[in-house]
N, C-alpha and C. Protein backbone atom coordinates (compact mmCIF):
# COMPACT_ATOMS: atom_id res chain seq x y z
N UNK A 1 -82.97 -13.63 27.67
CA UNK A 1 -82.40 -12.46 27.58
C UNK A 1 -82.66 -11.21 27.70
N UNK A 2 -82.32 -10.00 28.40
CA UNK A 2 -82.81 -8.72 28.80
C UNK A 2 -82.74 -7.26 27.37
N UNK A 3 -83.23 -6.74 27.50
CA UNK A 3 -83.00 -5.51 26.35
C UNK A 3 -82.90 -4.11 26.98
N UNK A 4 -81.81 -3.68 27.02
CA UNK A 4 -81.78 -2.16 27.87
C UNK A 4 -82.89 -1.22 27.41
N UNK A 5 -83.97 -0.77 27.83
CA UNK A 5 -84.77 0.11 26.89
C UNK A 5 -85.52 1.14 27.96
N UNK A 6 -84.72 1.39 28.90
CA UNK A 6 -85.64 2.33 30.06
C UNK A 6 -84.14 2.60 30.97
N UNK A 7 -83.63 3.83 31.06
CA UNK A 7 -82.93 4.34 31.63
C UNK A 7 -83.06 5.36 32.78
N UNK A 8 -82.61 5.99 33.78
CA UNK A 8 -82.29 6.60 34.77
C UNK A 8 -81.77 7.75 33.59
N UNK A 9 -82.55 8.78 33.44
CA UNK A 9 -81.79 9.69 32.16
C UNK A 9 -81.19 11.07 33.25
N UNK A 10 -82.03 11.20 34.44
CA UNK A 10 -81.01 11.75 35.37
C UNK A 10 -79.94 11.54 36.37
N UNK A 11 -79.49 10.32 35.88
CA UNK A 11 -78.40 10.28 36.78
C UNK A 11 -77.42 10.12 35.35
N UNK A 12 -77.32 10.64 34.24
CA UNK A 12 -76.52 10.09 33.32
C UNK A 12 -75.89 12.10 33.78
N UNK A 13 -73.88 11.94 33.78
CA UNK A 13 -73.72 13.26 33.68
C UNK A 13 -73.19 13.52 32.54
N UNK A 14 -73.37 15.04 32.10
CA UNK A 14 -73.79 15.37 30.76
C UNK A 14 -72.46 14.96 29.70
N UNK A 15 -70.94 14.52 30.42
CA UNK A 15 -69.90 13.71 29.94
C UNK A 15 -69.37 15.47 28.88
N UNK A 16 -68.04 14.84 28.41
CA UNK A 16 -67.69 16.24 27.49
C UNK A 16 -66.89 15.55 26.38
N UNK A 17 -66.64 16.27 25.28
CA UNK A 17 -65.48 16.04 24.17
C UNK A 17 -66.63 15.42 23.20
N UNK A 18 -68.20 15.46 23.35
CA UNK A 18 -68.50 14.70 22.47
C UNK A 18 -68.84 15.67 21.01
N UNK A 19 -69.34 15.47 19.73
CA UNK A 19 -69.39 16.31 18.83
C UNK A 19 -70.32 17.27 19.04
N UNK A 20 -69.83 18.45 18.80
CA UNK A 20 -70.83 19.43 18.96
C UNK A 20 -71.52 19.70 18.11
N UNK A 21 -73.37 20.30 18.90
CA UNK A 21 -74.42 20.22 18.05
C UNK A 21 -75.44 19.05 17.45
N UNK A 22 -75.02 17.91 17.41
CA UNK A 22 -76.07 16.51 16.90
C UNK A 22 -76.57 16.75 17.22
N UNK A 23 -78.42 15.96 16.60
CA UNK A 23 -79.07 15.73 17.18
C UNK A 23 -79.46 13.91 16.91
N UNK A 24 -79.68 13.60 17.61
CA UNK A 24 -80.15 11.76 17.51
C UNK A 24 -79.18 11.24 17.03
N UNK A 25 -78.14 11.51 16.98
CA UNK A 25 -76.92 10.73 16.12
C UNK A 25 -76.60 9.56 17.33
N UNK A 26 -76.53 8.35 16.33
CA UNK A 26 -76.41 7.21 16.22
C UNK A 26 -75.03 6.69 17.46
N UNK A 27 -74.68 6.25 18.94
CA UNK A 27 -73.79 6.48 19.11
C UNK A 27 -73.45 4.91 20.27
N UNK A 28 -72.47 4.54 19.86
CA UNK A 28 -72.27 3.20 20.44
C UNK A 28 -72.09 3.21 21.89
N UNK A 29 -71.78 2.08 22.87
CA UNK A 29 -71.99 1.77 24.05
C UNK A 29 -70.95 0.91 24.53
N UNK A 30 -70.68 1.17 26.17
CA UNK A 30 -69.62 -0.21 26.78
C UNK A 30 -69.90 -0.18 28.14
N UNK A 31 -70.06 -1.36 28.41
CA UNK A 31 -69.93 -1.81 29.35
C UNK A 31 -71.74 -2.66 29.78
N UNK A 32 -71.61 -2.69 31.19
CA UNK A 32 -73.07 -4.05 31.61
C UNK A 32 -72.76 -5.26 31.15
N UNK A 33 -73.63 -5.63 31.64
CA UNK A 33 -73.39 -7.32 30.99
C UNK A 33 -74.09 -7.93 29.62
N UNK A 34 -74.56 -6.77 28.90
CA UNK A 34 -75.09 -7.29 28.33
C UNK A 34 -74.20 -6.69 26.61
N UNK A 35 -74.98 -7.00 25.06
CA UNK A 35 -73.82 -6.65 24.17
C UNK A 35 -75.22 -5.63 23.54
N UNK A 36 -74.48 -4.85 22.33
CA UNK A 36 -75.37 -4.41 21.06
C UNK A 36 -76.25 -3.39 21.32
N UNK A 37 -76.37 -2.60 22.67
CA UNK A 37 -76.83 -1.25 23.18
C UNK A 37 -76.26 -0.27 21.79
N UNK A 38 -77.23 0.51 21.21
CA UNK A 38 -76.76 1.95 20.92
C UNK A 38 -77.64 2.90 21.80
N UNK A 39 -77.55 4.30 21.17
CA UNK A 39 -78.56 5.22 22.01
C UNK A 39 -78.22 6.16 21.11
N UNK A 40 -79.04 7.30 21.22
CA UNK A 40 -78.69 8.22 20.10
C UNK A 40 -78.43 9.66 21.20
N UNK A 41 -77.59 10.49 20.77
CA UNK A 41 -77.09 11.85 21.68
C UNK A 41 -77.86 12.88 21.11
N UNK A 42 -78.07 13.90 22.25
CA UNK A 42 -78.17 15.09 21.29
C UNK A 42 -77.19 16.04 22.30
N UNK A 43 -76.58 16.86 21.59
CA UNK A 43 -75.43 17.76 22.18
C UNK A 43 -75.73 19.10 22.27
N UNK A 44 -75.09 20.29 22.92
CA UNK A 44 -75.33 21.18 22.70
C UNK A 44 -73.81 21.82 21.81
N UNK A 45 -73.36 23.20 21.67
CA UNK A 45 -72.56 23.80 20.88
C UNK A 45 -71.34 23.42 21.87
N UNK A 46 -71.38 23.23 22.94
CA UNK A 46 -70.10 22.41 23.27
C UNK A 46 -69.65 21.22 23.50
N UNK A 47 -70.47 19.90 23.35
CA UNK A 47 -70.09 19.48 23.34
C UNK A 47 -70.74 18.02 24.47
N UNK A 48 -71.65 18.90 25.23
CA UNK A 48 -71.99 18.38 26.13
C UNK A 48 -73.50 17.79 25.53
N UNK A 49 -73.59 16.06 26.00
CA UNK A 49 -74.80 15.51 25.80
C UNK A 49 -76.40 16.18 26.79
N UNK A 50 -77.30 16.55 25.88
CA UNK A 50 -78.44 16.89 26.54
C UNK A 50 -79.85 16.46 26.71
N UNK A 51 -80.07 14.88 26.14
CA UNK A 51 -80.63 14.21 25.18
C UNK A 51 -80.01 12.96 25.30
N UNK A 52 -80.45 12.01 26.22
CA UNK A 52 -79.92 10.91 25.14
C UNK A 52 -81.53 9.96 25.07
N UNK A 53 -81.42 8.78 24.36
CA UNK A 53 -82.70 7.61 23.85
C UNK A 53 -82.07 6.45 23.30
N UNK A 54 -83.00 5.63 23.36
CA UNK A 54 -82.25 4.17 23.06
C UNK A 54 -82.45 3.53 21.83
N UNK A 55 -81.66 4.05 21.08
CA UNK A 55 -81.60 3.52 19.53
C UNK A 55 -81.36 1.99 19.38
N UNK A 56 -81.10 1.14 19.90
CA UNK A 56 -81.08 -0.79 19.86
C UNK A 56 -80.87 -0.95 21.32
N UNK A 57 -82.10 -1.90 21.50
CA UNK A 57 -81.95 -2.37 22.96
C UNK A 57 -80.68 -2.94 23.45
N UNK A 58 -80.49 -3.77 22.44
CA UNK A 58 -79.12 -4.83 22.79
C UNK A 58 -80.12 -6.04 23.45
N UNK A 59 -79.34 -6.80 24.20
CA UNK A 59 -79.45 -7.45 24.55
C UNK A 59 -79.00 -8.25 25.43
N UNK A 60 -79.20 -8.76 26.98
CA UNK A 60 -78.37 -9.57 28.31
C UNK A 60 -78.12 -8.33 29.34
N UNK A 61 -78.51 -7.24 29.21
CA UNK A 61 -78.52 -6.80 30.45
C UNK A 61 -79.14 -6.61 31.94
N UNK A 62 -78.60 -6.65 32.58
CA UNK A 62 -79.40 -7.02 34.05
C UNK A 62 -79.92 -5.31 35.00
N UNK A 63 -80.57 -5.55 35.49
CA UNK A 63 -81.17 -4.51 36.15
C UNK A 63 -78.99 -3.41 37.09
N UNK A 64 -79.34 -2.59 37.74
CA UNK A 64 -78.29 -1.87 37.90
C UNK A 64 -76.84 -2.06 36.93
N UNK A 65 -77.22 -2.52 36.19
CA UNK A 65 -75.78 -1.78 35.03
C UNK A 65 -75.58 -0.41 34.40
N UNK A 66 -74.79 -0.06 34.76
CA UNK A 66 -74.20 1.13 34.36
C UNK A 66 -73.25 0.95 32.74
N UNK A 67 -73.86 2.28 31.78
CA UNK A 67 -73.18 1.53 30.64
C UNK A 67 -72.51 3.01 30.20
N UNK A 68 -71.65 3.35 29.62
CA UNK A 68 -70.88 4.44 29.30
C UNK A 68 -71.20 4.44 27.86
N UNK A 69 -71.43 6.21 27.67
CA UNK A 69 -71.67 6.32 26.28
C UNK A 69 -70.22 6.62 25.83
N UNK A 70 -69.59 6.14 24.55
CA UNK A 70 -68.98 6.10 23.81
C UNK A 70 -68.40 7.69 23.17
N UNK A 71 -67.77 8.07 22.76
CA UNK A 71 -67.57 8.91 21.52
C UNK A 71 -66.80 10.35 22.52
N UNK A 72 -67.38 10.42 23.92
CA UNK A 72 -66.83 11.54 24.24
C UNK A 72 -65.12 11.91 24.55
N UNK A 73 -63.98 12.82 24.94
CA UNK A 73 -62.40 12.50 24.74
C UNK A 73 -62.73 13.50 26.33
N UNK A 74 -63.55 13.58 27.18
CA UNK A 74 -63.64 14.46 28.33
C UNK A 74 -63.98 13.85 29.34
N UNK A 75 -65.11 14.26 29.87
CA UNK A 75 -65.64 12.69 31.12
C UNK A 75 -66.84 12.53 30.56
N UNK A 76 -66.69 11.16 30.57
CA UNK A 76 -67.51 10.16 29.71
C UNK A 76 -69.19 10.27 30.40
N UNK A 77 -70.23 10.01 29.41
CA UNK A 77 -71.40 10.23 30.20
C UNK A 77 -72.08 8.33 30.35
N UNK A 78 -72.57 8.39 31.70
CA UNK A 78 -72.71 7.14 31.48
C UNK A 78 -74.38 6.83 32.05
N UNK A 79 -74.75 6.13 31.46
CA UNK A 79 -76.51 5.72 32.30
C UNK A 79 -76.74 4.58 32.70
N UNK A 80 -77.80 4.44 33.80
CA UNK A 80 -78.31 3.35 34.86
C UNK A 80 -79.49 2.88 34.21
N UNK A 81 -78.96 1.58 33.92
CA UNK A 81 -80.23 1.16 33.84
C UNK A 81 -81.41 1.00 35.25
N UNK A 82 -82.78 0.88 34.65
CA UNK A 82 -83.96 0.78 36.08
C UNK A 82 -84.21 0.10 35.79
N UNK A 83 -84.66 -0.91 34.80
CA UNK A 83 -85.85 -1.98 35.19
C UNK A 83 -85.86 -2.62 34.19
N UNK A 84 -86.33 -3.63 34.14
CA UNK A 84 -86.42 -4.99 33.28
C UNK A 84 -87.90 -4.76 32.79
N UNK A 85 -87.60 -4.48 31.58
CA UNK A 85 -89.03 -4.61 30.13
C UNK A 85 -89.63 -5.39 30.95
């Protein structure tokens, strides 16, 4: 099984409506062919994501999977899986 541990940080839109002013908050994800991926998000005072890092890599993801970061109430942020480790 493949873990998602590398993604294209430049490809994710900021998203909106995430909790404002958080640093490294663990957040669930949806989408892609795998399961179990969580990410840490940092947001600005408006609730836009400014940074994303992998918290738990999950397994079963493949190249070109698009993952949605849960929790936004406006436009959601997505990340693109780049390569297998």
